[in-house]
C-alpha atoms as a PDB file:
ATOM      1  CA  MET A   1      -0.025  -0.048  -0.030  1.00  0.00           C
ATOM      2  CA  ALA A   2       1.318   3.433  -0.972  1.00  0.00           C
ATOM      3  CA  GLN A   3       2.280   5.850   1.921  1.00  0.00           C
ATOM      4  CA  LEU A   4       0.063   8.898   2.436  1.00  0.00           C
ATOM      5  CA  ALA A   5       2.897  11.277   1.607  1.00  0.00           C
ATOM      6  CA  GLU A   6       3.062   9.762  -1.844  1.00  0.00           C
ATOM      7  CA  HIS A   7      -0.513  10.529  -2.674  1.00  0.00           C
ATOM      8  CA  PRO A   8      -0.896  13.117  -5.469  1.00  0.00           C
ATOM      9  CA  THR A   9      -3.216  15.383  -3.531  1.00  0.00           C
ATOM     10  CA  VAL A  10      -0.746  15.370  -0.487  1.00  0.00           C
ATOM     11  CA  LYS A  11       2.101  16.082  -2.801  1.00  0.00           C
ATOM     12  CA  GLN A  12       0.325  19.147  -4.365  1.00  0.00           C
ATOM     13  CA  PHE A  13      -0.854  20.437  -0.989  1.00  0.00           C
ATOM     14  CA  ARG A  14       2.792  20.275   0.412  1.00  0.00           C
ATOM     15  CA  ALA A  15       4.051  21.999  -2.761  1.00  0.00           C
ATOM     16  CA  ARG A  16       1.697  24.877  -2.468  1.00  0.00           C
ATOM     17  CA  GLU A  17       2.685  25.282   1.310  1.00  0.00           C
ATOM     18  CA  THR A  18       6.400  25.226   0.370  1.00  0.00           C
ATOM     19  CA  THR A  19       6.056  27.689  -2.374  1.00  0.00           C
ATOM     20  CA  GLY A  20       3.644  29.867  -0.504  1.00  0.00           C
ATOM     21  CA  SER A  21       1.070  29.833  -3.206  1.00  0.00           C
ATOM     22  CA  GLY A  22      -1.527  28.143  -1.022  1.00  0.00           C
ATOM     23  CA  SER A  23      -4.123  30.379   0.666  1.00  0.00           C
ATOM     24  CA  ALA A  24      -3.077  31.419   4.219  1.00  0.00           C
ATOM     25  CA  ARG A  25      -5.225  29.923   6.973  1.00  0.00           C
ATOM     26  CA  PRO A  26      -6.267  32.145   9.824  1.00  0.00           C
ATOM     27  CA  GLN A  27      -4.674  31.197  13.149  1.00  0.00           C
ATOM     28  CA  SER A  28      -7.872  31.840  15.168  1.00  0.00           C
ATOM     29  CA  LEU A  29     -11.467  32.625  14.438  1.00  0.00           C
ATOM     30  CA  ASP A  30     -12.763  35.966  15.503  1.00  0.00           C
ATOM     31  CA  ARG A  31     -16.090  35.553  17.402  1.00  0.00           C
ATOM     32  CA  GLU A  32     -17.972  38.107  15.327  1.00  0.00           C
ATOM     33  CA  ARG A  33     -16.426  36.856  12.093  1.00  0.00           C
ATOM     34  CA  LEU A  34     -17.760  33.303  13.056  1.00  0.00           C
ATOM     35  CA  ARG A  35     -21.075  34.615  14.030  1.00  0.00           C
ATOM     36  CA  GLN A  36     -21.384  36.348  10.681  1.00  0.00           C
ATOM     37  CA  VAL A  37     -20.517  32.974   8.953  1.00  0.00           C
ATOM     38  CA  CYS A  38     -23.369  31.371  10.822  1.00  0.00           C
ATOM     39  CA  LEU A  39     -25.702  34.178   9.741  1.00  0.00           C
ATOM     40  CA  ASP A  40     -24.738  34.051   6.293  1.00  0.00           C
ATOM     41  CA  ALA A  41     -25.342  30.419   6.244  1.00  0.00           C
ATOM     42  CA  GLY A  42     -28.893  30.991   7.069  1.00  0.00           C
ATOM     43  CA  ALA A  43     -28.981  30.815  10.853  1.00  0.00           C
ATOM     44  CA  ASP A  44     -31.464  33.281  12.405  1.00  0.00           C
ATOM     45  CA  ASP A  45     -29.213  33.701  15.431  1.00  0.00           C
ATOM     46  CA  ALA A  46     -25.860  32.139  16.653  1.00  0.00           C
ATOM     47  CA  GLY A  47     -23.866  32.019  19.777  1.00  0.00           C
ATOM     48  CA  PHE A  48     -20.893  30.293  21.429  1.00  0.00           C
ATOM     49  CA  VAL A  49     -20.274  28.464  24.525  1.00  0.00           C
ATOM     50  CA  GLU A  50     -17.004  27.042  25.936  1.00  0.00           C
ATOM     51  CA  ILE A  51     -17.089  23.270  26.763  1.00  0.00           C
ATOM     52  CA  ASP A  52     -15.580  24.074  30.260  1.00  0.00           C
ATOM     53  CA  ARG A  53     -18.942  26.062  31.314  1.00  0.00           C
ATOM     54  CA  PRO A  54     -20.452  24.431  34.364  1.00  0.00           C
ATOM     55  CA  GLU A  55     -23.919  24.447  32.813  1.00  0.00           C
ATOM     56  CA  ILE A  56     -22.927  21.815  30.210  1.00  0.00           C
ATOM     57  CA  ALA A  57     -20.554  19.930  32.488  1.00  0.00           C
ATOM     58  CA  ASP A  58     -22.819  16.723  32.235  1.00  0.00           C
ATOM     59  CA  GLN A  59     -22.241  16.772  28.441  1.00  0.00           C
ATOM     60  CA  LYS A  60     -18.488  17.401  28.399  1.00  0.00           C
ATOM     61  CA  THR A  61     -17.544  13.692  28.209  1.00  0.00           C
ATOM     62  CA  ASP A  62     -19.773  13.056  25.198  1.00  0.00           C
ATOM     63  CA  ILE A  63     -18.602  16.156  23.447  1.00  0.00           C
ATOM     64  CA  LEU A  64     -15.009  15.110  23.838  1.00  0.00           C
ATOM     65  CA  TRP A  65     -15.656  11.646  22.822  1.00  0.00           C
ATOM     66  CA  LEU A  66     -17.062  13.023  19.523  1.00  0.00           C
ATOM     67  CA  LEU A  67     -14.783  16.001  18.972  1.00  0.00           C
ATOM     68  CA  PRO A  68     -11.629  15.399  21.076  1.00  0.00           C
ATOM     69  CA  LYS A  69      -9.988  18.748  20.299  1.00  0.00           C
ATOM     70  CA  ALA A  70     -13.208  20.885  20.808  1.00  0.00           C
ATOM     71  CA  LYS A  71     -12.863  24.022  23.093  1.00  0.00           C
ATOM     72  CA  THR A  72     -16.138  25.904  22.093  1.00  0.00           C
ATOM     73  CA  LEU A  73     -19.317  24.904  20.594  1.00  0.00           C
ATOM     74  CA  ILE A  74     -21.507  26.836  18.130  1.00  0.00           C
ATOM     75  CA  SER A  75     -25.198  27.065  18.956  1.00  0.00           C
ATOM     76  CA  PHE A  76     -27.439  28.352  16.113  1.00  0.00           C
ATOM     77  CA  VAL A  77     -31.176  28.782  15.725  1.00  0.00           C
ATOM     78  CA  VAL A  78     -33.574  28.600  12.876  1.00  0.00           C
ATOM     79  CA  ARG A  79     -36.947  29.921  13.156  1.00  0.00           C
ATOM     80  CA  MET A  80     -40.131  27.813  12.758  1.00  0.00           C
ATOM     81  CA  ASN A  81     -43.494  29.017  11.416  1.00  0.00           C
ATOM     82  CA  ARG A  82     -45.450  29.515  14.735  1.00  0.00           C
ATOM     83  CA  GLU A  83     -48.901  29.021  13.133  1.00  0.00           C
ATOM     84  CA  ASN A  84     -47.971  25.773  11.571  1.00  0.00           C
ATOM     85  CA  ILE A  85     -46.807  24.445  15.180  1.00  0.00           C
ATOM     86  CA  ARG A  86     -49.973  25.620  16.784  1.00  0.00           C
ATOM     87  CA  THR A  87     -52.446  24.086  14.224  1.00  0.00           C
ATOM     88  CA  PRO A  88     -54.474  21.192  15.357  1.00  0.00           C
ATOM     89  CA  ALA A  89     -53.566  19.375  12.279  1.00  0.00           C
ATOM     90  CA  ARG A  90     -50.751  17.097  13.322  1.00  0.00           C
ATOM     91  CA  SER A  91     -49.601  16.510   9.719  1.00  0.00           C
ATOM     92  CA  ILE A  92     -48.859  20.288   9.359  1.00  0.00           C
ATOM     93  CA  ALA A  93     -46.971  20.561  12.632  1.00  0.00           C
ATOM     94  CA  ASN A  94     -44.912  17.505  11.741  1.00  0.00           C
ATOM     95  CA  LEU A  95     -44.142  18.863   8.391  1.00  0.00           C
ATOM     96  CA  GLU A  96     -42.933  22.161   9.866  1.00  0.00           C
ATOM     97  CA  PHE A  97     -40.800  20.247  12.314  1.00  0.00           C
ATOM     98  CA  HIS A  98     -39.187  18.200   9.683  1.00  0.00           C
ATOM     99  CA  HIS A  99     -38.786  21.155   7.266  1.00  0.00           C
ATOM    100  CA  THR A 100     -36.924  23.108  10.018  1.00  0.00           C
ATOM    101  CA  THR A 101     -34.645  20.271  10.856  1.00  0.00           C
ATOM    102  CA  ASP A 102     -33.754  19.939   7.171  1.00  0.00           C
ATOM    103  CA  GLU A 103     -33.106  23.697   7.231  1.00  0.00           C
ATOM    104  CA  ALA A 104     -30.826  23.527  10.357  1.00  0.00           C
ATOM    105  CA  ASN A 105     -28.766  20.598   8.657  1.00  0.00           C
ATOM    106  CA  GLU A 106     -28.281  22.617   5.693  1.00  0.00           C
ATOM    107  CA  VAL A 107     -27.151  25.643   7.802  1.00  0.00           C
ATOM    108  CA  ALA A 108     -24.769  23.398   9.618  1.00  0.00           C
ATOM    109  CA  ARG A 109     -23.299  22.065   6.322  1.00  0.00           C
ATOM    110  CA  LYS A 110     -22.796  25.561   5.050  1.00  0.00           C
ATOM    111  CA  ILE A 111     -20.987  26.580   8.273  1.00  0.00           C
ATOM    112  CA  VAL A 112     -18.415  23.711   8.030  1.00  0.00           C
ATOM    113  CA  VAL A 113     -17.665  24.189   4.346  1.00  0.00           C
END
């Protein structure tokens, strides 16, 4: 099996780094800039929480199991249509929940890209 360093994509990436022609990566993310990325992705609001906060201490083990290097979490919200949720017709309310979940997933995808 070929070594990872011999893969054409890895060679191309390292060549760009060596020549300086690759795009420079930011060393850290500014809170306001990251919030704007979330809003531009379609979130109605966004905020951040450190994983060391006492309020989420009971979840820290699970967070670090999934994301071992995580230091901060992004929390974003997507609005739901209030009238569709309040309607007695369960099918309409269910559709609104499903639609909003799909929209939240799409926002998350845009944020990480």
